PDB file of all heavy atoms in Angstrom:
ATOM      1  N   LEU A   1      -5.946  30.185 -35.929  1.00  0.00           N
ATOM      2  CA  LEU A   1      -6.243  31.561 -35.576  1.00  0.00           C
ATOM      3  C   LEU A   1      -6.226  31.737 -34.064  1.00  0.00           C
ATOM      4  O   LEU A   1      -6.779  30.914 -33.328  1.00  0.00           O
ATOM      5  CB  LEU A   1      -7.621  31.968 -36.108  1.00  0.00           C
ATOM      6  CG  LEU A   1      -7.938  31.698 -37.581  1.00  0.00           C
ATOM      7  CD1 LEU A   1      -9.292  32.299 -37.921  1.00  0.00           C
ATOM      8  CD2 LEU A   1      -6.855  32.236 -38.493  1.00  0.00           C
ATOM      9  N   ILE A   2      -5.617  32.825 -33.612  1.00  0.00           N
ATOM     10  CA  ILE A   2      -5.616  33.160 -32.197  1.00  0.00           C
ATOM     11  C   ILE A   2      -6.055  34.609 -32.032  1.00  0.00           C
ATOM     12  O   ILE A   2      -6.034  35.398 -32.975  1.00  0.00           O
ATOM     13  CB  ILE A   2      -4.219  32.978 -31.549  1.00  0.00           C
ATOM     14  CG1 ILE A   2      -3.192  33.901 -32.232  1.00  0.00           C
ATOM     15  CG2 ILE A   2      -3.772  31.516 -31.599  1.00  0.00           C
ATOM     16  CD1 ILE A   2      -1.851  33.987 -31.511  1.00  0.00           C
ATOM     17  N   ARG A   3      -6.453  34.948 -30.826  1.00  0.00           N
ATOM     18  CA  ARG A   3      -6.661  36.335 -30.435  1.00  0.00           C
ATOM     19  C   ARG A   3      -5.901  36.536 -29.138  1.00  0.00           C
ATOM     20  O   ARG A   3      -5.938  35.678 -28.251  1.00  0.00           O
ATOM     21  CB  ARG A   3      -8.154  36.660 -30.270  1.00  0.00           C
ATOM     22  CG  ARG A   3      -8.899  36.587 -31.595  1.00  0.00           C
ATOM     23  CD  ARG A   3     -10.403  36.718 -31.445  1.00  0.00           C
ATOM     24  NE  ARG A   3     -10.839  38.043 -31.046  1.00  0.00           N
ATOM     25  CZ  ARG A   3     -11.360  38.339 -29.863  1.00  0.00           C
ATOM     26  NH1 ARG A   3     -11.474  37.401 -28.928  1.00  0.00           N
ATOM     27  NH2 ARG A   3     -11.751  39.566 -29.582  1.00  0.00           N
ATOM     28  N   PHE A   4      -5.228  37.651 -29.014  1.00  0.00           N
ATOM     29  CA  PHE A   4      -4.319  37.843 -27.887  1.00  0.00           C
ATOM     30  C   PHE A   4      -4.458  39.245 -27.317  1.00  0.00           C
ATOM     31  O   PHE A   4      -4.894  40.180 -28.007  1.00  0.00           O
ATOM     32  CB  PHE A   4      -2.867  37.597 -28.335  1.00  0.00           C
ATOM     33  CG  PHE A   4      -2.397  38.560 -29.393  1.00  0.00           C
ATOM     34  CD1 PHE A   4      -1.752  39.739 -29.045  1.00  0.00           C
ATOM     35  CD2 PHE A   4      -2.619  38.299 -30.740  1.00  0.00           C
ATOM     36  CE1 PHE A   4      -1.336  40.637 -30.024  1.00  0.00           C
ATOM     37  CE2 PHE A   4      -2.214  39.191 -31.722  1.00  0.00           C
ATOM     38  CZ  PHE A   4      -1.567  40.373 -31.359  1.00  0.00           C
ATOM     39  N   GLY A   5      -4.048  39.386 -26.056  1.00  0.00           N
ATOM     40  CA  GLY A   5      -4.069  40.688 -25.412  1.00  0.00           C
ATOM     41  C   GLY A   5      -4.996  40.720 -24.204  1.00  0.00           C
ATOM     42  O   GLY A   5      -5.579  39.707 -23.800  1.00  0.00           O
ATOM     43  N   GLU A   6      -5.121  41.900 -23.622  1.00  0.00           N
ATOM     44  CA  GLU A   6      -5.943  42.068 -22.437  1.00  0.00           C
ATOM     45  C   GLU A   6      -7.415  41.805 -22.745  1.00  0.00           C
ATOM     46  O   GLU A   6      -7.853  41.934 -23.889  1.00  0.00           O
ATOM     47  CB  GLU A   6      -5.802  43.498 -21.897  1.00  0.00           C
ATOM     48  CG  GLU A   6      -4.402  43.870 -21.460  1.00  0.00           C
ATOM     49  CD  GLU A   6      -4.330  45.333 -21.045  1.00  0.00           C
ATOM     50  OE1 GLU A   6      -5.365  45.872 -20.594  1.00  0.00           O
ATOM     51  OE2 GLU A   6      -3.264  45.930 -21.189  1.00  0.00           O
ATOM     52  N   VAL A   7      -8.155  41.471 -21.697  1.00  0.00           N
ATOM     53  CA  VAL A   7      -9.587  41.218 -21.847  1.00  0.00           C
ATOM     54  C   VAL A   7     -10.268  42.453 -22.437  1.00  0.00           C
ATOM     55  O   VAL A   7     -10.098  43.574 -21.944  1.00  0.00           O
ATOM     56  CB  VAL A   7     -10.232  40.875 -20.490  1.00  0.00           C
ATOM     57  CG1 VAL A   7     -11.742  40.717 -20.632  1.00  0.00           C
ATOM     58  CG2 VAL A   7      -9.617  39.607 -19.912  1.00  0.00           C
ATOM     59  N   GLY A   8     -11.007  42.251 -23.510  1.00  0.00           N
ATOM     60  CA  GLY A   8     -11.710  43.342 -24.162  1.00  0.00           C
ATOM     61  C   GLY A   8     -10.868  44.128 -25.147  1.00  0.00           C
ATOM     62  O   GLY A   8     -11.395  45.005 -25.852  1.00  0.00           O
ATOM     63  N   LYS A   9      -9.567  43.814 -25.219  1.00  0.00           N
ATOM     64  CA  LYS A   9      -8.675  44.530 -26.133  1.00  0.00           C
ATOM     65  C   LYS A   9      -7.899  43.550 -27.021  1.00  0.00           C
ATOM     66  O   LYS A   9      -6.822  43.874 -27.524  1.00  0.00           O
ATOM     67  CB  LYS A   9      -7.696  45.404 -25.348  1.00  0.00           C
ATOM     68  CG  LYS A   9      -8.369  46.485 -24.513  1.00  0.00           C
ATOM     69  CD  LYS A   9      -7.342  47.307 -23.754  1.00  0.00           C
ATOM     70  CE  LYS A   9      -8.007  48.372 -22.901  1.00  0.00           C
ATOM     71  NZ  LYS A   9      -7.008  49.168 -22.130  1.00  0.00           N
ATOM     72  N   GLU A  10      -8.454  42.377 -27.233  1.00  0.00           N
ATOM     73  CA  GLU A  10      -7.748  41.345 -27.986  1.00  0.00           C
ATOM     74  C   GLU A  10      -7.547  41.751 -29.445  1.00  0.00           C
ATOM     75  O   GLU A  10      -8.377  42.432 -30.042  1.00  0.00           O
ATOM     76  CB  GLU A  10      -8.531  40.031 -27.937  1.00  0.00           C
ATOM     77  CG  GLU A  10      -8.597  39.388 -26.566  1.00  0.00           C
ATOM     78  CD  GLU A  10      -9.804  39.798 -25.749  1.00  0.00           C
ATOM     79  OE1 GLU A  10     -10.464  40.804 -26.144  1.00  0.00           O
ATOM     80  OE2 GLU A  10     -10.078  39.156 -24.732  1.00  0.00           O
ATOM     81  N   LYS A  11      -6.421  41.303 -29.995  1.00  0.00           N
ATOM     82  CA  LYS A  11      -6.102  41.507 -31.403  1.00  0.00           C
ATOM     83  C   LYS A  11      -6.051  40.146 -32.103  1.00  0.00           C
ATOM     84  O   LYS A  11      -5.768  39.127 -31.464  1.00  0.00           O
ATOM     85  CB  LYS A  11      -4.745  42.203 -31.559  1.00  0.00           C
ATOM     86  CG  LYS A  11      -4.695  43.625 -31.039  1.00  0.00           C
ATOM     87  CD  LYS A  11      -3.314  44.211 -31.277  1.00  0.00           C
ATOM     88  CE  LYS A  11      -3.228  45.650 -30.810  1.00  0.00           C
ATOM     89  NZ  LYS A  11      -1.876  46.226 -31.057  1.00  0.00           N
ATOM     90  N   PRO A  12      -6.290  40.117 -33.414  1.00  0.00           N
ATOM     91  CA  PRO A  12      -6.210  38.851 -34.143  1.00  0.00           C
ATOM     92  C   PRO A  12      -4.771  38.464 -34.448  1.00  0.00           C
ATOM     93  O   PRO A  12      -3.914  39.326 -34.693  1.00  0.00           O
ATOM     94  CB  PRO A  12      -6.981  39.147 -35.428  1.00  0.00           C
ATOM     95  CG  PRO A  12      -6.792  40.611 -35.643  1.00  0.00           C
ATOM     96  CD  PRO A  12      -6.741  41.231 -34.271  1.00  0.00           C
ATOM     97  N   GLY A  13      -4.527  37.159 -34.443  1.00  0.00           N
ATOM     98  CA  GLY A  13      -3.197  36.661 -34.769  1.00  0.00           C
ATOM     99  C   GLY A  13      -3.282  35.278 -35.376  1.00  0.00           C
ATOM    100  O   GLY A  13      -4.375  34.719 -35.562  1.00  0.00           O
ATOM    101  N   ILE A  14      -2.135  34.731 -35.697  1.00  0.00           N
ATOM    102  CA  ILE A  14      -2.056  33.361 -36.189  1.00  0.00           C
ATOM    103  C   ILE A  14      -0.950  32.635 -35.442  1.00  0.00           C
ATOM    104  O   ILE A  14      -0.016  33.257 -34.917  1.00  0.00           O
ATOM    105  CB  ILE A  14      -1.794  33.282 -37.712  1.00  0.00           C
ATOM    106  CG1 ILE A  14      -0.498  34.007 -38.084  1.00  0.00           C
ATOM    107  CG2 ILE A  14      -2.983  33.823 -38.481  1.00  0.00           C
ATOM    108  CD1 ILE A  14      -0.059  33.764 -39.513  1.00  0.00           C
ATOM    109  N   LEU A  15      -1.081  31.331 -35.404  1.00  0.00           N
ATOM    110  CA  LEU A  15      -0.078  30.467 -34.783  1.00  0.00           C
ATOM    111  C   LEU A  15       0.605  29.683 -35.890  1.00  0.00           C
ATOM    112  O   LEU A  15      -0.054  28.999 -36.678  1.00  0.00           O
ATOM    113  CB  LEU A  15      -0.756  29.519 -33.796  1.00  0.00           C
ATOM    114  CG  LEU A  15       0.132  28.579 -32.985  1.00  0.00           C
ATOM    115  CD1 LEU A  15       1.012  29.364 -32.018  1.00  0.00           C
ATOM    116  CD2 LEU A  15      -0.734  27.579 -32.212  1.00  0.00           C
ATOM    117  N   ILE A  16       1.924  29.803 -35.975  1.00  0.00           N
ATOM    118  CA  ILE A  16       2.709  29.043 -36.940  1.00  0.00           C
ATOM    119  C   ILE A  16       3.749  28.268 -36.151  1.00  0.00           C
ATOM    120  O   ILE A  16       4.666  28.853 -35.571  1.00  0.00           O
ATOM    121  CB  ILE A  16       3.382  29.957 -37.975  1.00  0.00           C
ATOM    122  CG1 ILE A  16       2.335  30.767 -38.745  1.00  0.00           C
ATOM    123  CG2 ILE A  16       4.222  29.118 -38.941  1.00  0.00           C
ATOM    124  CD1 ILE A  16       2.931  31.760 -39.728  1.00  0.00           C
ATOM    125  N   GLY A  17       3.598  26.955 -36.125  1.00  0.00           N
ATOM    126  CA  GLY A  17       4.451  26.159 -35.248  1.00  0.00           C
ATOM    127  C   GLY A  17       4.144  26.541 -33.813  1.00  0.00           C
ATOM    128  O   GLY A  17       3.002  26.537 -33.376  1.00  0.00           O
ATOM    129  N   GLU A  18       5.178  26.932 -33.079  1.00  0.00           N
ATOM    130  CA  GLU A  18       4.987  27.369 -31.700  1.00  0.00           C
ATOM    131  C   GLU A  18       4.979  28.890 -31.583  1.00  0.00           C
ATOM    132  O   GLU A  18       4.834  29.427 -30.485  1.00  0.00           O
ATOM    133  CB  GLU A  18       6.109  26.794 -30.807  1.00  0.00           C
ATOM    134  CG  GLU A  18       6.127  25.275 -30.726  1.00  0.00           C
ATOM    135  CD  GLU A  18       4.857  24.706 -30.130  1.00  0.00           C
ATOM    136  OE1 GLU A  18       4.368  25.278 -29.126  1.00  0.00           O
ATOM    137  OE2 GLU A  18       4.338  23.707 -30.661  1.00  0.00           O
ATOM    138  N   LYS A  19       5.126  29.582 -32.709  1.00  0.00           N
ATOM    139  CA  LYS A  19       5.231  31.037 -32.668  1.00  0.00           C
ATOM    140  C   LYS A  19       3.912  31.708 -33.006  1.00  0.00           C
ATOM    141  O   LYS A  19       3.157  31.244 -33.863  1.00  0.00           O
ATOM    142  CB  LYS A  19       6.324  31.512 -33.631  1.00  0.00           C
ATOM    143  CG  LYS A  19       7.724  31.081 -33.217  1.00  0.00           C
ATOM    144  CD  LYS A  19       8.786  31.685 -34.135  1.00  0.00           C
ATOM    145  CE  LYS A  19      10.193  31.316 -33.680  1.00  0.00           C
ATOM    146  NZ  LYS A  19      11.223  31.926 -34.553  1.00  0.00           N
ATOM    147  N   ARG A  20       3.670  32.839 -32.344  1.00  0.00           N
ATOM    148  CA  ARG A  20       2.456  33.616 -32.548  1.00  0.00           C
ATOM    149  C   ARG A  20       2.797  34.897 -33.304  1.00  0.00           C
ATOM    150  O   ARG A  20       3.822  35.537 -33.028  1.00  0.00           O
ATOM    151  CB  ARG A  20       1.832  33.989 -31.201  1.00  0.00           C
ATOM    152  CG  ARG A  20       1.579  32.818 -30.265  1.00  0.00           C
ATOM    153  CD  ARG A  20       1.201  33.337 -28.890  1.00  0.00           C
ATOM    154  NE  ARG A  20       0.936  32.269 -27.933  1.00  0.00           N
ATOM    155  CZ  ARG A  20       0.620  32.468 -26.658  1.00  0.00           C
ATOM    156  NH1 ARG A  20       0.527  33.717 -26.189  1.00  0.00           N
ATOM    157  NH2 ARG A  20       0.390  31.446 -25.852  1.00  0.00           N
ATOM    158  N   PHE A  21       1.902  35.270 -34.228  1.00  0.00           N
ATOM    159  CA  PHE A  21       2.129  36.480 -35.012  1.00  0.00           C
ATOM    160  C   PHE A  21       0.872  37.343 -35.041  1.00  0.00           C
ATOM    161  O   PHE A  21      -0.253  36.838 -35.091  1.00  0.00           O
ATOM    162  CB  PHE A  21       2.555  36.119 -36.438  1.00  0.00           C
ATOM    163  CG  PHE A  21       3.864  35.398 -36.517  1.00  0.00           C
ATOM    164  CD1 PHE A  21       3.910  34.009 -36.523  1.00  0.00           C
ATOM    165  CD2 PHE A  21       5.061  36.105 -36.560  1.00  0.00           C
ATOM    166  CE1 PHE A  21       5.124  33.330 -36.585  1.00  0.00           C
ATOM    167  CE2 PHE A  21       6.281  35.439 -36.624  1.00  0.00           C
ATOM    168  CZ  PHE A  21       6.316  34.049 -36.633  1.00  0.00           C
ATOM    169  N   ASP A  22       1.094  38.633 -35.033  1.00  0.00           N
ATOM    170  CA  ASP A  22       0.041  39.638 -35.041  1.00  0.00           C
ATOM    171  C   ASP A  22      -0.394  39.906 -36.486  1.00  0.00           C
ATOM    172  O   ASP A  22       0.433  40.249 -37.332  1.00  0.00           O
ATOM    173  CB  ASP A  22       0.597  40.911 -34.392  1.00  0.00           C
ATOM    174  CG  ASP A  22      -0.418  42.031 -34.262  1.00  0.00           C
ATOM    175  OD1 ASP A  22      -1.473  41.976 -34.916  1.00  0.00           O
ATOM    176  OD2 ASP A  22      -0.130  42.981 -33.501  1.00  0.00           O
ATOM    177  N   VAL A  23      -1.694  39.730 -36.778  1.00  0.00           N
ATOM    178  CA  VAL A  23      -2.203  40.039 -38.124  1.00  0.00           C
ATOM    179  C   VAL A  23      -3.199  41.193 -38.087  1.00  0.00           C
ATOM    180  O   VAL A  23      -4.018  41.353 -38.994  1.00  0.00           O
ATOM    181  CB  VAL A  23      -2.831  38.798 -38.797  1.00  0.00           C
ATOM    182  CG1 VAL A  23      -1.801  37.705 -39.005  1.00  0.00           C
ATOM    183  CG2 VAL A  23      -4.030  38.282 -38.004  1.00  0.00           C
ATOM    184  N   SER A  24      -3.130  42.016 -37.046  1.00  0.00           N
ATOM    185  CA  SER A  24      -4.106  43.103 -36.912  1.00  0.00           C
ATOM    186  C   SER A  24      -3.945  44.168 -37.989  1.00  0.00           C
ATOM    187  O   SER A  24      -4.849  44.983 -38.196  1.00  0.00           O
ATOM    188  CB  SER A  24      -4.016  43.738 -35.517  1.00  0.00           C
ATOM    189  OG  SER A  24      -2.732  44.287 -35.278  1.00  0.00           O
ATOM    190  N   SER A  25      -2.818  44.169 -38.700  1.00  0.00           N
ATOM    191  CA  SER A  25      -2.660  45.089 -39.829  1.00  0.00           C
ATOM    192  C   SER A  25      -3.418  44.598 -41.060  1.00  0.00           C
ATOM    193  O   SER A  25      -3.623  45.355 -42.019  1.00  0.00           O
ATOM    194  CB  SER A  25      -1.173  45.259 -40.173  1.00  0.00           C
ATOM    195  OG  SER A  25      -0.609  44.020 -40.582  1.00  0.00           O
ATOM    196  N   ILE A  26      -3.834  43.321 -41.019  1.00  0.00           N
ATOM    197  CA  ILE A  26      -4.542  42.710 -42.154  1.00  0.00           C
ATOM    198  C   ILE A  26      -6.015  42.501 -41.833  1.00  0.00           C
ATOM    199  O   ILE A  26      -6.879  42.678 -42.693  1.00  0.00           O
ATOM    200  CB  ILE A  26      -3.902  41.340 -42.505  1.00  0.00           C
ATOM    201  CG1 ILE A  26      -2.401  41.484 -42.748  1.00  0.00           C
ATOM    202  CG2 ILE A  26      -4.594  40.707 -43.710  1.00  0.00           C
ATOM    203  CD1 ILE A  26      -1.677  40.157 -42.823  1.00  0.00           C
ATOM    204  N   VAL A  27      -6.304  42.134 -40.587  1.00  0.00           N
ATOM    205  CA  VAL A  27      -7.644  41.738 -40.153  1.00  0.00           C
ATOM    206  C   VAL A  27      -8.055  42.588 -38.953  1.00  0.00           C
ATOM    207  O   VAL A  27      -7.242  42.796 -38.043  1.00  0.00           O
ATOM    208  CB  VAL A  27      -7.657  40.248 -39.752  1.00  0.00           C
ATOM    209  CG1 VAL A  27      -8.985  39.844 -39.158  1.00  0.00           C
ATOM    210  CG2 VAL A  27      -7.322  39.362 -40.944  1.00  0.00           C
ATOM    211  N   THR A  28      -9.297  43.043 -38.954  1.00  0.00           N
ATOM    212  CA  THR A  28      -9.784  43.816 -37.802  1.00  0.00           C
ATOM    213  C   THR A  28     -10.014  42.913 -36.598  1.00  0.00           C
ATOM    214  O   THR A  28      -9.566  43.214 -35.490  1.00  0.00           O
ATOM    215  CB  THR A  28     -11.095  44.537 -38.155  1.00  0.00           C
ATOM    216  OG1 THR A  28     -10.861  45.394 -39.269  1.00  0.00           O
ATOM    217  CG2 THR A  28     -11.595  45.356 -36.976  1.00  0.00           C
ATOM    218  N   ASP A  29     -10.711  41.815 -36.806  1.00  0.00           N
ATOM    219  CA  ASP A  29     -10.974  40.855 -35.739  1.00  0.00           C
ATOM    220  C   ASP A  29     -11.582  39.608 -36.361  1.00  0.00           C
ATOM    221  O   ASP A  29     -12.083  39.640 -37.490  1.00  0.00           O
ATOM    222  CB  ASP A  29     -11.919  41.440 -34.689  1.00  0.00           C
ATOM    223  CG  ASP A  29     -11.761  40.789 -33.309  1.00  0.00           C
ATOM    224  OD1 ASP A  29     -11.030  39.773 -33.202  1.00  0.00           O
ATOM    225  OD2 ASP A  29     -12.366  41.289 -32.344  1.00  0.00           O
ATOM    226  N   TYR A  30     -11.564  38.512 -35.619  1.00  0.00           N
ATOM    227  CA  TYR A  30     -12.218  37.290 -36.068  1.00  0.00           C
ATOM    228  C   TYR A  30     -13.659  37.306 -35.547  1.00  0.00           C
ATOM    229  O   TYR A  30     -13.987  36.702 -34.521  1.00  0.00           O
ATOM    230  CB  TYR A  30     -11.468  36.064 -35.565  1.00  0.00           C
ATOM    231  CG  TYR A  30     -10.038  35.983 -36.062  1.00  0.00           C
ATOM    232  CD1 TYR A  30      -9.004  35.612 -35.205  1.00  0.00           C
ATOM    233  CD2 TYR A  30      -9.721  36.272 -37.382  1.00  0.00           C
ATOM    234  CE1 TYR A  30      -7.696  35.521 -35.656  1.00  0.00           C
ATOM    235  CE2 TYR A  30      -8.416  36.197 -37.846  1.00  0.00           C
ATOM    236  CZ  TYR A  30      -7.405  35.825 -36.977  1.00  0.00           C
ATOM    237  OH  TYR A  30      -6.097  35.747 -37.422  1.00  0.00           O
ATOM    238  N   ASN A  31     -14.491  38.034 -36.272  1.00  0.00           N
ATOM    239  CA  ASN A  31     -15.870  38.241 -35.852  1.00  0.00           C
ATOM    240  C   ASN A  31     -16.820  37.873 -36.988  1.00  0.00           C
ATOM    241  O   ASN A  31     -16.403  37.326 -38.011  1.00  0.00           O
ATOM    242  CB  ASN A  31     -16.072  39.695 -35.401  1.00  0.00           C
ATOM    243  CG  ASN A  31     -15.602  40.689 -36.467  1.00  0.00           C
ATOM    244  OD1 ASN A  31     -15.467  40.338 -37.641  1.00  0.00           O
ATOM    245  ND2 ASN A  31     -15.360  41.921 -36.051  1.00  0.00           N
ATOM    246  N   GLU A  32     -18.090  38.185 -36.815  1.00  0.00           N
ATOM    247  CA  GLU A  32     -19.080  37.825 -37.823  1.00  0.00           C
ATOM    248  C   GLU A  32     -18.734  38.401 -39.187  1.00  0.00           C
ATOM    249  O   GLU A  32     -18.818  37.717 -40.207  1.00  0.00           O
ATOM    250  CB  GLU A  32     -20.466  38.300 -37.378  1.00  0.00           C
ATOM    251  CG  GLU A  32     -21.578  37.925 -38.339  1.00  0.00           C
ATOM    252  CD  GLU A  32     -22.953  38.319 -37.852  1.00  0.00           C
ATOM    253  OE1 GLU A  32     -23.134  38.513 -36.625  1.00  0.00           O
ATOM    254  OE2 GLU A  32     -23.873  38.434 -38.696  1.00  0.00           O
ATOM    255  N   ALA A  33     -18.326  39.665 -39.215  1.00  0.00           N
ATOM    256  CA  ALA A  33     -17.998  40.316 -40.489  1.00  0.00           C
ATOM    257  C   ALA A  33     -16.817  39.631 -41.172  1.00  0.00           C
ATOM    258  O   ALA A  33     -16.802  39.466 -42.400  1.00  0.00           O
ATOM    259  CB  ALA A  33     -17.690  41.793 -40.252  1.00  0.00           C
ATOM    260  N   PHE A  34     -15.831  39.213 -40.398  1.00  0.00           N
ATOM    261  CA  PHE A  34     -14.660  38.535 -40.959  1.00  0.00           C
ATOM    262  C   PHE A  34     -15.075  37.261 -41.672  1.00  0.00           C
ATOM    263  O   PHE A  34     -14.733  37.036 -42.842  1.00  0.00           O
ATOM    264  CB  PHE A  34     -13.664  38.223 -39.844  1.00  0.00           C
ATOM    265  CG  PHE A  34     -12.539  37.302 -40.256  1.00  0.00           C
ATOM    266  CD1 PHE A  34     -11.440  37.796 -40.926  1.00  0.00           C
ATOM    267  CD2 PHE A  34     -12.582  35.944 -39.965  1.00  0.00           C
ATOM    268  CE1 PHE A  34     -10.394  36.958 -41.319  1.00  0.00           C
ATOM    269  CE2 PHE A  34     -11.554  35.092 -40.340  1.00  0.00           C
ATOM    270  CZ  PHE A  34     -10.459  35.611 -41.021  1.00  0.00           C
ATOM    271  N   PHE A  35     -15.814  36.401 -40.996  1.00  0.00           N
ATOM    272  CA  PHE A  35     -16.202  35.125 -41.598  1.00  0.00           C
ATOM    273  C   PHE A  35     -17.191  35.332 -42.751  1.00  0.00           C
ATOM    274  O   PHE A  35     -17.106  34.663 -43.783  1.00  0.00           O
ATOM    275  CB  PHE A  35     -16.793  34.203 -40.533  1.00  0.00           C
ATOM    276  CG  PHE A  35     -15.794  33.746 -39.506  1.00  0.00           C
ATOM    277  CD1 PHE A  35     -15.813  34.254 -38.214  1.00  0.00           C
ATOM    278  CD2 PHE A  35     -14.808  32.825 -39.835  1.00  0.00           C
ATOM    279  CE1 PHE A  35     -14.881  33.845 -37.267  1.00  0.00           C
ATOM    280  CE2 PHE A  35     -13.865  32.415 -38.896  1.00  0.00           C
ATOM    281  CZ  PHE A  35     -13.903  32.925 -37.607  1.00  0.00           C
ATOM    282  N   GLU A  36     -18.101  36.276 -42.588  1.00  0.00           N
ATOM    283  CA  GLU A  36     -19.128  36.509 -43.595  1.00  0.00           C
ATOM    284  C   GLU A  36     -18.545  36.994 -44.919  1.00  0.00           C
ATOM    285  O   GLU A  36     -19.064  36.693 -45.993  1.00  0.00           O
ATOM    286  CB  GLU A  36     -20.129  37.537 -43.066  1.00  0.00           C
ATOM    287  CG  GLU A  36     -21.320  37.773 -43.965  1.00  0.00           C
ATOM    288  CD  GLU A  36     -22.326  38.689 -43.304  1.00  0.00           C
ATOM    289  OE1 GLU A  36     -21.923  39.620 -42.579  1.00  0.00           O
ATOM    290  OE2 GLU A  36     -23.530  38.467 -43.511  1.00  0.00           O
ATOM    291  N   ASN A  37     -17.449  37.718 -44.847  1.00  0.00           N
ATOM    292  CA  ASN A  37     -16.843  38.314 -46.047  1.00  0.00           C
ATOM    293  C   ASN A  37     -15.614  37.546 -46.529  1.00  0.00           C
ATOM    294  O   ASN A  37     -14.640  38.140 -47.003  1.00  0.00           O
ATOM    295  CB  ASN A  37     -16.494  39.774 -45.768  1.00  0.00           C
ATOM    296  CG  ASN A  37     -17.724  40.622 -45.551  1.00  0.00           C
ATOM    297  OD1 ASN A  37     -18.538  40.776 -46.452  1.00  0.00           O
ATOM    298  ND2 ASN A  37     -17.872  41.160 -44.345  1.00  0.00           N
ATOM    299  N   ASP A  38     -15.668  36.217 -46.380  1.00  0.00           N
ATOM    300  CA  ASP A  38     -14.586  35.344 -46.864  1.00  0.00           C
ATOM    301  C   ASP A  38     -13.237  35.702 -46.260  1.00  0.00           C
ATOM    302  O   ASP A  38     -12.191  35.629 -46.921  1.00  0.00           O
ATOM    303  CB  ASP A  38     -14.493  35.391 -48.396  1.00  0.00           C
ATOM    304  CG  ASP A  38     -15.738  34.845 -49.069  1.00  0.00           C
ATOM    305  OD1 ASP A  38     -16.275  33.832 -48.569  1.00  0.00           O
ATOM    306  OD2 ASP A  38     -16.171  35.416 -50.081  1.00  0.00           O
ATOM    307  N   GLY A  39     -13.273  36.083 -44.999  1.00  0.00           N
ATOM    308  CA  GLY A  39     -12.047  36.498 -44.331  1.00  0.00           C
ATOM    309  C   GLY A  39     -10.972  35.439 -44.295  1.00  0.00           C
ATOM    310  O   GLY A  39      -9.779  35.745 -44.427  1.00  0.00           O
ATOM    311  N   LEU A  40     -11.371  34.179 -44.148  1.00  0.00           N
ATOM    312  CA  LEU A  40     -10.374  33.105 -44.091  1.00  0.00           C
ATOM    313  C   LEU A  40      -9.592  33.015 -45.398  1.00  0.00           C
ATOM    314  O   LEU A  40      -8.358  32.918 -45.394  1.00  0.00           O
ATOM    315  CB  LEU A  40     -11.050  31.765 -43.790  1.00  0.00           C
ATOM    316  CG  LEU A  40     -11.499  31.525 -42.346  1.00  0.00           C
ATOM    317  CD1 LEU A  40     -12.294  30.228 -42.257  1.00  0.00           C
ATOM    318  CD2 LEU A  40     -10.308  31.483 -41.405  1.00  0.00           C
ATOM    319  N   GLU A  41     -10.303  33.041 -46.512  1.00  0.00           N
ATOM    320  CA  GLU A  41      -9.632  32.943 -47.813  1.00  0.00           C
ATOM    321  C   GLU A  41      -8.769  34.169 -48.088  1.00  0.00           C
ATOM    322  O   GLU A  41      -7.658  34.060 -48.613  1.00  0.00           O
ATOM    323  CB  GLU A  41     -10.661  32.759 -48.928  1.00  0.00           C
ATOM    324  CG  GLU A  41     -11.255  31.366 -48.997  1.00  0.00           C
ATOM    325  CD  GLU A  41     -10.186  30.291 -49.169  1.00  0.00           C
ATOM    326  OE1 GLU A  41      -9.303  30.459 -50.046  1.00  0.00           O
ATOM    327  OE2 GLU A  41     -10.226  29.286 -48.430  1.00  0.00           O
TER     328      GLU A  41
END
């Protein structure tokens, strides 16, 4: 899991190999709510 973008405006993403992908259409952020609600699965 990665977060990318300007300070305070980061979006969630994933790293596959050497490439980075934006998952902000699927996930709001990698925060307490994400982990608490089985966000990884």
